[in-house]
Amino acid sequence: MTGRAPAGHPARLKKRAEFLAVRRGEKRRGRLFLLEVLDRGDQDPPRLGITVTKKSGNAVERNRIRRRIREAARLHAVRDMAPGTDYVVVGRPEILSVAFDVLKDELSRRMRAKRQPSRTPHGQ
């Protein structure tokens, strides 16, 4: 596990290799962010990584996006994170224009979502 997290905070992904590993997992797309999820297969505490690309704005805007995601995860979504799972949130600029409660609810909902079984046409 990567370091200890303060009480109420999820553990953090810090190394580039950890972020790249999560990219192999499931992707849950949304209007406010992309959530990448990887089941590590252990029972260690969940870990969270946050990234915002330069396309999202200048450094001030990117940091505001990161802070809003981090606080929404700390206050609300940490309860919905499954043990043994890594999460990477790729923030979008729309996060700055929505109410904080909307962000909290959306992040929590996406983290609770289960992988949908692949659909196959009938008769195959």
C-alpha atoms as a PDB file:
ATOM      1  CA  MET A   1       0.000   0.000   0.000  1.00  0.00           C
ATOM      2  CA  THR A   2       1.147   3.547  -0.695  1.00  0.00           C
ATOM      3  CA  GLY A   3       1.535   5.467   2.558  1.00  0.00           C
ATOM      4  CA  ARG A   4      -1.058   6.072   5.240  1.00  0.00           C
ATOM      5  CA  ALA A   5      -4.010   8.321   4.666  1.00  0.00           C
ATOM      6  CA  PRO A   6      -5.354  10.777   7.243  1.00  0.00           C
ATOM      7  CA  ALA A   7      -8.621   9.739   8.889  1.00  0.00           C
ATOM      8  CA  GLY A   8     -11.515  10.128   6.470  1.00  0.00           C
ATOM      9  CA  HIS A   9      -9.242  10.330   3.443  1.00  0.00           C
ATOM     10  CA  PRO A  10      -8.769   7.463   0.984  1.00  0.00           C
ATOM     11  CA  ALA A  11      -5.206   6.266   0.442  1.00  0.00           C
ATOM     12  CA  ARG A  12      -3.537   7.923  -2.558  1.00  0.00           C
ATOM     13  CA  LEU A  13      -2.063   6.705  -5.792  1.00  0.00           C
ATOM     14  CA  LYS A  14       1.226   8.547  -6.187  1.00  0.00           C
ATOM     15  CA  LYS A  15       3.412   6.836  -8.753  1.00  0.00           C
ATOM     16  CA  ARG A  16       2.922   7.061 -12.497  1.00  0.00           C
ATOM     17  CA  ALA A  17       3.048   3.268 -12.765  1.00  0.00           C
ATOM     18  CA  GLU A  18       0.075   3.009 -10.372  1.00  0.00           C
ATOM     19  CA  PHE A  19      -1.960   5.427 -12.496  1.00  0.00           C
ATOM     20  CA  LEU A  20      -1.041   3.535 -15.677  1.00  0.00           C
ATOM     21  CA  ALA A  21      -2.034   0.221 -14.091  1.00  0.00           C
ATOM     22  CA  VAL A  22      -5.529   1.535 -13.351  1.00  0.00           C
ATOM     23  CA  ARG A  23      -5.978   2.411 -17.036  1.00  0.00           C
ATOM     24  CA  ARG A  24      -6.236  -1.342 -17.739  1.00  0.00           C
ATOM     25  CA  GLY A  25      -9.401  -1.499 -15.651  1.00  0.00           C
ATOM     26  CA  GLU A  26     -12.990  -0.468 -16.181  1.00  0.00           C
ATOM     27  CA  LYS A  27     -13.862   3.026 -17.425  1.00  0.00           C
ATOM     28  CA  ARG A  28     -16.996   4.786 -16.217  1.00  0.00           C
ATOM     29  CA  ARG A  29     -17.614   7.876 -18.323  1.00  0.00           C
ATOM     30  CA  GLY A  30     -19.642  10.848 -17.233  1.00  0.00           C
ATOM     31  CA  ARG A  31     -20.274  14.494 -17.987  1.00  0.00           C
ATOM     32  CA  LEU A  32     -18.116  15.748 -15.098  1.00  0.00           C
ATOM     33  CA  PHE A  33     -15.281  13.228 -15.066  1.00  0.00           C
ATOM     34  CA  LEU A  34     -13.961   9.888 -16.251  1.00  0.00           C
ATOM     35  CA  LEU A  35     -13.607   7.304 -13.498  1.00  0.00           C
ATOM     36  CA  GLU A  36     -11.144   4.460 -14.066  1.00  0.00           C
ATOM     37  CA  VAL A  37     -11.517   1.497 -11.698  1.00  0.00           C
ATOM     38  CA  LEU A  38      -9.173  -1.458 -11.146  1.00  0.00           C
ATOM     39  CA  ASP A  39      -9.820  -4.345  -8.777  1.00  0.00           C
ATOM     40  CA  ARG A  40      -6.414  -5.239  -7.280  1.00  0.00           C
ATOM     41  CA  GLY A  41      -7.687  -8.544  -5.913  1.00  0.00           C
ATOM     42  CA  ASP A  42      -6.682  -7.910  -2.277  1.00  0.00           C
ATOM     43  CA  GLN A  43      -8.489  -6.532   0.775  1.00  0.00           C
ATOM     44  CA  ASP A  44      -6.245  -3.513   1.399  1.00  0.00           C
ATOM     45  CA  PRO A  45      -7.950  -0.111   1.706  1.00  0.00           C
ATOM     46  CA  PRO A  46      -9.077   1.543  -1.542  1.00  0.00           C
ATOM     47  CA  ARG A  47      -6.776   4.080  -3.193  1.00  0.00           C
ATOM     48  CA  LEU A  48      -7.654   7.223  -5.115  1.00  0.00           C
ATOM     49  CA  GLY A  49      -5.744   9.126  -7.769  1.00  0.00           C
ATOM     50  CA  ILE A  50      -6.838  12.429  -9.301  1.00  0.00           C
ATOM     51  CA  THR A  51      -5.603  13.850 -12.560  1.00  0.00           C
ATOM     52  CA  VAL A  52      -6.623  16.835 -14.676  1.00  0.00           C
ATOM     53  CA  THR A  53      -5.210  17.425 -18.139  1.00  0.00           C
ATOM     54  CA  LYS A  54      -3.898  20.758 -19.378  1.00  0.00           C
ATOM     55  CA  LYS A  55      -6.839  20.911 -21.791  1.00  0.00           C
ATOM     56  CA  SER A  56      -9.000  21.628 -18.726  1.00  0.00           C
ATOM     57  CA  GLY A  57      -7.570  25.086 -18.163  1.00  0.00           C
ATOM     58  CA  ASN A  58      -4.711  26.927 -16.531  1.00  0.00           C
ATOM     59  CA  ALA A  59      -2.997  25.786 -13.327  1.00  0.00           C
ATOM     60  CA  VAL A  60      -5.420  27.650 -11.067  1.00  0.00           C
ATOM     61  CA  GLU A  61      -8.455  26.026 -12.694  1.00  0.00           C
ATOM     62  CA  ARG A  62      -6.852  22.556 -12.690  1.00  0.00           C
ATOM     63  CA  ASN A  63      -6.035  22.873  -8.983  1.00  0.00           C
ATOM     64  CA  ARG A  64      -9.599  23.983  -8.193  1.00  0.00           C
ATOM     65  CA  ILE A  65     -10.912  20.930 -10.066  1.00  0.00           C
ATOM     66  CA  ARG A  66      -8.559  18.655  -8.088  1.00  0.00           C
ATOM     67  CA  ARG A  67      -9.526  20.228  -4.748  1.00  0.00           C
ATOM     68  CA  ARG A  68     -13.251  19.820  -5.443  1.00  0.00           C
ATOM     69  CA  ILE A  69     -12.801  16.150  -6.402  1.00  0.00           C
ATOM     70  CA  ARG A  70     -10.620  15.457  -3.357  1.00  0.00           C
ATOM     71  CA  GLU A  71     -13.120  17.064  -0.987  1.00  0.00           C
ATOM     72  CA  ALA A  72     -16.100  15.277  -2.566  1.00  0.00           C
ATOM     73  CA  ALA A  73     -14.257  11.961  -2.160  1.00  0.00           C
ATOM     74  CA  ARG A  74     -13.330  12.743   1.446  1.00  0.00           C
ATOM     75  CA  LEU A  75     -16.792  13.856   2.535  1.00  0.00           C
ATOM     76  CA  HIS A  76     -18.990  11.456   0.678  1.00  0.00           C
ATOM     77  CA  ALA A  77     -17.568   8.965  -1.810  1.00  0.00           C
ATOM     78  CA  VAL A  78     -14.989   7.317   0.472  1.00  0.00           C
ATOM     79  CA  ARG A  79     -17.863   5.277   1.970  1.00  0.00           C
ATOM     80  CA  ASP A  80     -18.681   3.915  -1.491  1.00  0.00           C
ATOM     81  CA  MET A  81     -15.158   2.832  -2.370  1.00  0.00           C
ATOM     82  CA  ALA A  82     -14.635  -0.940  -2.321  1.00  0.00           C
ATOM     83  CA  PRO A  83     -11.641  -2.470  -0.489  1.00  0.00           C
ATOM     84  CA  GLY A  84      -8.914  -3.735  -2.810  1.00  0.00           C
ATOM     85  CA  THR A  85      -9.841  -1.261  -5.542  1.00  0.00           C
ATOM     86  CA  ASP A  86      -7.919   1.595  -7.152  1.00  0.00           C
ATOM     87  CA  TYR A  87      -9.798   4.596  -8.542  1.00  0.00           C
ATOM     88  CA  VAL A  88      -8.497   7.331 -10.846  1.00  0.00           C
ATOM     89  CA  VAL A  89     -10.692  10.370 -11.459  1.00  0.00           C
ATOM     90  CA  VAL A  90      -9.885  12.355 -14.593  1.00  0.00           C
ATOM     91  CA  GLY A  91     -11.506  15.732 -13.956  1.00  0.00           C
ATOM     92  CA  ARG A  92     -13.174  17.901 -16.567  1.00  0.00           C
ATOM     93  CA  PRO A  93     -13.736  21.679 -16.492  1.00  0.00           C
ATOM     94  CA  GLU A  94     -17.509  21.198 -16.034  1.00  0.00           C
ATOM     95  CA  ILE A  95     -16.784  20.328 -12.384  1.00  0.00           C
ATOM     96  CA  LEU A  96     -16.252  24.033 -11.691  1.00  0.00           C
ATOM     97  CA  SER A  97     -19.719  25.004 -12.906  1.00  0.00           C
ATOM     98  CA  VAL A  98     -21.893  22.499 -11.003  1.00  0.00           C
ATOM     99  CA  ALA A  99     -23.081  22.631  -7.418  1.00  0.00           C
ATOM    100  CA  PHE A 100     -20.864  20.738  -4.987  1.00  0.00           C
ATOM    101  CA  ASP A 101     -23.760  18.447  -3.975  1.00  0.00           C
ATOM    102  CA  VAL A 102     -24.169  17.387  -7.612  1.00  0.00           C
ATOM    103  CA  LEU A 103     -20.464  16.542  -7.797  1.00  0.00           C
ATOM    104  CA  LYS A 104     -20.601  14.548  -4.534  1.00  0.00           C
ATOM    105  CA  ASP A 105     -23.641  12.571  -5.664  1.00  0.00           C
ATOM    106  CA  GLU A 106     -22.231  11.844  -9.114  1.00  0.00           C
ATOM    107  CA  LEU A 107     -18.859  10.712  -7.740  1.00  0.00           C
ATOM    108  CA  SER A 108     -20.542   8.484  -5.180  1.00  0.00           C
ATOM    109  CA  ARG A 109     -22.907   7.000  -7.764  1.00  0.00           C
ATOM    110  CA  ARG A 110     -20.094   6.214 -10.190  1.00  0.00           C
ATOM    111  CA  MET A 111     -18.000   4.568  -7.484  1.00  0.00           C
ATOM    112  CA  ARG A 112     -20.929   2.369  -6.399  1.00  0.00           C
ATOM    113  CA  ALA A 113     -21.726   1.281  -9.951  1.00  0.00           C
ATOM    114  CA  LYS A 114     -21.043  -2.331 -10.776  1.00  0.00           C
ATOM    115  CA  ARG A 115     -19.699  -3.531 -14.091  1.00  0.00           C
ATOM    116  CA  GLN A 116     -22.542  -4.247 -16.459  1.00  0.00           C
ATOM    117  CA  PRO A 117     -22.477  -7.693 -18.080  1.00  0.00           C
ATOM    118  CA  SER A 118     -21.716  -7.517 -21.776  1.00  0.00           C
ATOM    119  CA  ARG A 119     -24.792  -7.810 -23.904  1.00  0.00           C
ATOM    120  CA  THR A 120     -24.899 -10.376 -26.665  1.00  0.00           C
ATOM    121  CA  PRO A 121     -27.596 -10.609 -29.322  1.00  0.00           C
ATOM    122  CA  HIS A 122     -30.215 -13.273 -28.708  1.00  0.00           C
ATOM    123  CA  GLY A 123     -29.547 -16.657 -30.299  1.00  0.00           C
ATOM    124  CA  GLN A 124     -25.749 -16.473 -30.106  1.00  0.00           C
END
